[in-house]
N, C-alpha and C. Protein backbone atom coordinates (compact mmCIF):
# COMPACT_ATOMS: atom_id res chain seq x y z
N MET A 1 -20.01 -7.08 -38.57
CA MET A 1 -20.65 -7.33 -37.29
C MET A 1 -19.60 -7.64 -36.24
N THR A 2 -19.83 -7.12 -35.08
CA THR A 2 -18.92 -7.41 -33.98
C THR A 2 -19.63 -8.31 -32.98
N SER A 3 -18.86 -9.17 -32.36
CA SER A 3 -19.44 -10.06 -31.36
C SER A 3 -19.45 -9.35 -30.00
N PRO A 4 -20.38 -9.72 -29.12
CA PRO A 4 -20.43 -9.08 -27.80
C PRO A 4 -19.18 -9.42 -26.99
N LEU A 5 -18.81 -8.50 -26.13
CA LEU A 5 -17.62 -8.67 -25.31
C LEU A 5 -17.92 -9.60 -24.15
N ASN A 6 -17.07 -10.59 -23.94
CA ASN A 6 -17.25 -11.54 -22.85
C ASN A 6 -16.41 -11.08 -21.67
N LEU A 7 -17.05 -10.70 -20.56
CA LEU A 7 -16.34 -10.18 -19.39
C LEU A 7 -16.34 -11.15 -18.22
N THR A 8 -16.63 -12.41 -18.45
CA THR A 8 -16.63 -13.37 -17.35
C THR A 8 -15.20 -13.77 -17.01
N VAL A 9 -14.98 -14.05 -15.74
CA VAL A 9 -13.66 -14.45 -15.25
C VAL A 9 -13.80 -15.82 -14.60
N SER A 10 -12.90 -16.71 -14.93
CA SER A 10 -12.96 -18.05 -14.35
C SER A 10 -12.65 -17.98 -12.85
N PRO A 11 -13.15 -18.94 -12.08
CA PRO A 11 -12.85 -18.95 -10.64
C PRO A 11 -11.35 -19.01 -10.34
N HIS A 12 -10.60 -19.75 -11.16
CA HIS A 12 -9.15 -19.84 -10.95
C HIS A 12 -8.49 -18.49 -11.17
N ARG A 13 -8.87 -17.80 -12.24
CA ARG A 13 -8.30 -16.48 -12.53
C ARG A 13 -8.70 -15.47 -11.46
N ARG A 14 -9.94 -15.55 -10.98
CA ARG A 14 -10.39 -14.66 -9.92
C ARG A 14 -9.55 -14.86 -8.65
N ALA A 15 -9.26 -16.11 -8.31
CA ALA A 15 -8.43 -16.39 -7.14
C ALA A 15 -7.02 -15.83 -7.33
N GLN A 16 -6.46 -15.97 -8.54
CA GLN A 16 -5.14 -15.40 -8.82
C GLN A 16 -5.14 -13.89 -8.64
N LEU A 17 -6.15 -13.23 -9.17
CA LEU A 17 -6.23 -11.78 -9.06
C LEU A 17 -6.44 -11.33 -7.61
N ASN A 18 -7.22 -12.09 -6.85
CA ASN A 18 -7.41 -11.77 -5.44
C ASN A 18 -6.10 -11.87 -4.67
N ARG A 19 -5.33 -12.93 -4.92
CA ARG A 19 -4.03 -13.08 -4.25
C ARG A 19 -3.10 -11.95 -4.63
N ARG A 20 -3.07 -11.59 -5.90
CA ARG A 20 -2.20 -10.50 -6.36
C ARG A 20 -2.59 -9.18 -5.68
N SER A 21 -3.87 -8.92 -5.60
CA SER A 21 -4.31 -7.67 -4.97
C SER A 21 -3.96 -7.64 -3.49
N LEU A 22 -4.08 -8.78 -2.81
CA LEU A 22 -3.69 -8.83 -1.40
C LEU A 22 -2.19 -8.60 -1.23
N HIS A 23 -1.38 -9.21 -2.10
CA HIS A 23 0.07 -9.00 -2.02
C HIS A 23 0.42 -7.53 -2.23
N LEU A 24 -0.23 -6.88 -3.18
CA LEU A 24 0.03 -5.46 -3.41
C LEU A 24 -0.40 -4.62 -2.22
N ALA A 25 -1.53 -4.96 -1.61
CA ALA A 25 -2.00 -4.21 -0.44
C ALA A 25 -1.04 -4.39 0.73
N TYR A 26 -0.58 -5.62 0.97
CA TYR A 26 0.37 -5.86 2.06
C TYR A 26 1.70 -5.16 1.80
N ALA A 27 2.16 -5.18 0.57
CA ALA A 27 3.42 -4.50 0.24
C ALA A 27 3.30 -3.00 0.45
N THR A 28 2.18 -2.42 0.07
CA THR A 28 1.97 -0.99 0.26
C THR A 28 1.92 -0.64 1.73
N ALA A 29 1.20 -1.43 2.52
CA ALA A 29 1.11 -1.17 3.96
C ALA A 29 2.48 -1.31 4.61
N GLY A 30 3.23 -2.33 4.23
CA GLY A 30 4.57 -2.52 4.78
C GLY A 30 5.50 -1.38 4.42
N TYR A 31 5.43 -0.94 3.18
CA TYR A 31 6.27 0.19 2.75
C TYR A 31 5.93 1.44 3.55
N ASN A 32 4.64 1.72 3.74
CA ASN A 32 4.24 2.90 4.49
C ASN A 32 4.71 2.83 5.94
N LEU A 33 4.68 1.64 6.54
CA LEU A 33 5.14 1.51 7.92
C LEU A 33 6.65 1.73 8.02
N VAL A 34 7.41 1.16 7.10
CA VAL A 34 8.86 1.37 7.10
C VAL A 34 9.18 2.84 6.86
N GLU A 35 8.49 3.46 5.92
CA GLU A 35 8.68 4.87 5.64
C GLU A 35 8.38 5.70 6.89
N GLY A 36 7.33 5.33 7.62
CA GLY A 36 6.97 6.05 8.84
C GLY A 36 8.02 5.92 9.92
N VAL A 37 8.56 4.72 10.10
CA VAL A 37 9.60 4.50 11.12
C VAL A 37 10.83 5.34 10.79
N ILE A 38 11.24 5.32 9.55
CA ILE A 38 12.43 6.09 9.15
C ILE A 38 12.19 7.58 9.31
N ALA A 39 11.02 8.06 8.90
CA ALA A 39 10.72 9.49 9.00
C ALA A 39 10.62 9.94 10.45
N VAL A 40 10.00 9.14 11.31
CA VAL A 40 9.90 9.51 12.73
C VAL A 40 11.28 9.51 13.37
N ALA A 41 12.10 8.51 13.06
CA ALA A 41 13.46 8.47 13.62
C ALA A 41 14.27 9.67 13.14
N ALA A 42 14.19 9.98 11.85
CA ALA A 42 14.92 11.14 11.32
C ALA A 42 14.38 12.43 11.90
N GLY A 43 13.07 12.52 12.07
CA GLY A 43 12.46 13.72 12.64
C GLY A 43 12.85 13.91 14.09
N ALA A 44 12.93 12.82 14.84
CA ALA A 44 13.34 12.92 16.24
C ALA A 44 14.82 13.32 16.33
N ALA A 45 15.64 12.75 15.47
CA ALA A 45 17.07 13.07 15.49
C ALA A 45 17.32 14.53 15.10
N ALA A 46 16.52 15.04 14.17
CA ALA A 46 16.72 16.41 13.68
C ALA A 46 15.82 17.42 14.37
N SER A 47 15.01 16.96 15.32
CA SER A 47 14.02 17.82 15.98
C SER A 47 13.15 18.54 14.95
N SER A 48 12.68 17.78 13.97
CA SER A 48 11.90 18.34 12.87
C SER A 48 10.43 17.95 13.02
N THR A 49 9.60 18.94 13.26
CA THR A 49 8.16 18.70 13.37
C THR A 49 7.59 18.20 12.05
N ALA A 50 8.10 18.73 10.95
CA ALA A 50 7.60 18.32 9.63
C ALA A 50 7.87 16.84 9.37
N LEU A 51 9.08 16.38 9.69
CA LEU A 51 9.39 14.96 9.48
C LEU A 51 8.58 14.07 10.42
N LEU A 52 8.38 14.52 11.65
CA LEU A 52 7.55 13.74 12.57
C LEU A 52 6.12 13.63 12.03
N GLY A 53 5.59 14.74 11.55
CA GLY A 53 4.24 14.72 10.98
C GLY A 53 4.16 13.82 9.76
N PHE A 54 5.18 13.87 8.91
CA PHE A 54 5.22 13.01 7.73
C PHE A 54 5.25 11.55 8.15
N GLY A 55 6.06 11.23 9.15
CA GLY A 55 6.16 9.85 9.62
C GLY A 55 4.85 9.36 10.22
N LEU A 56 4.20 10.20 11.01
CA LEU A 56 2.92 9.81 11.60
C LEU A 56 1.85 9.64 10.52
N ASP A 57 1.89 10.47 9.49
CA ASP A 57 0.95 10.32 8.39
C ASP A 57 1.21 9.01 7.64
N SER A 58 2.47 8.62 7.51
CA SER A 58 2.78 7.34 6.87
C SER A 58 2.24 6.18 7.68
N PHE A 59 2.34 6.26 9.01
CA PHE A 59 1.75 5.22 9.85
C PHE A 59 0.24 5.14 9.62
N ARG A 60 -0.40 6.30 9.56
CA ARG A 60 -1.85 6.35 9.38
C ARG A 60 -2.24 5.71 8.04
N ARG A 61 -1.49 6.00 7.00
CA ARG A 61 -1.79 5.42 5.69
C ARG A 61 -1.50 3.93 5.66
N GLY A 62 -0.58 3.47 6.49
CA GLY A 62 -0.22 2.06 6.51
C GLY A 62 -1.23 1.18 7.22
N VAL A 63 -2.09 1.79 7.97
CA VAL A 63 -3.07 1.00 8.75
C VAL A 63 -4.35 0.82 8.00
């Protein structure tokens, strides 16, 4: 016989997981913004429409 699976999460653990998920979301948004700045600067320096588009897309994903 197997016992039923217990899927409850304590309030403390839920708060820890919420903080972790927020940190990951902020890190991802920050990375996308930095990536966008670098790509737009490189695209402007090289007159590259593709790099400018990539940089603008990174900004869009970061928001």
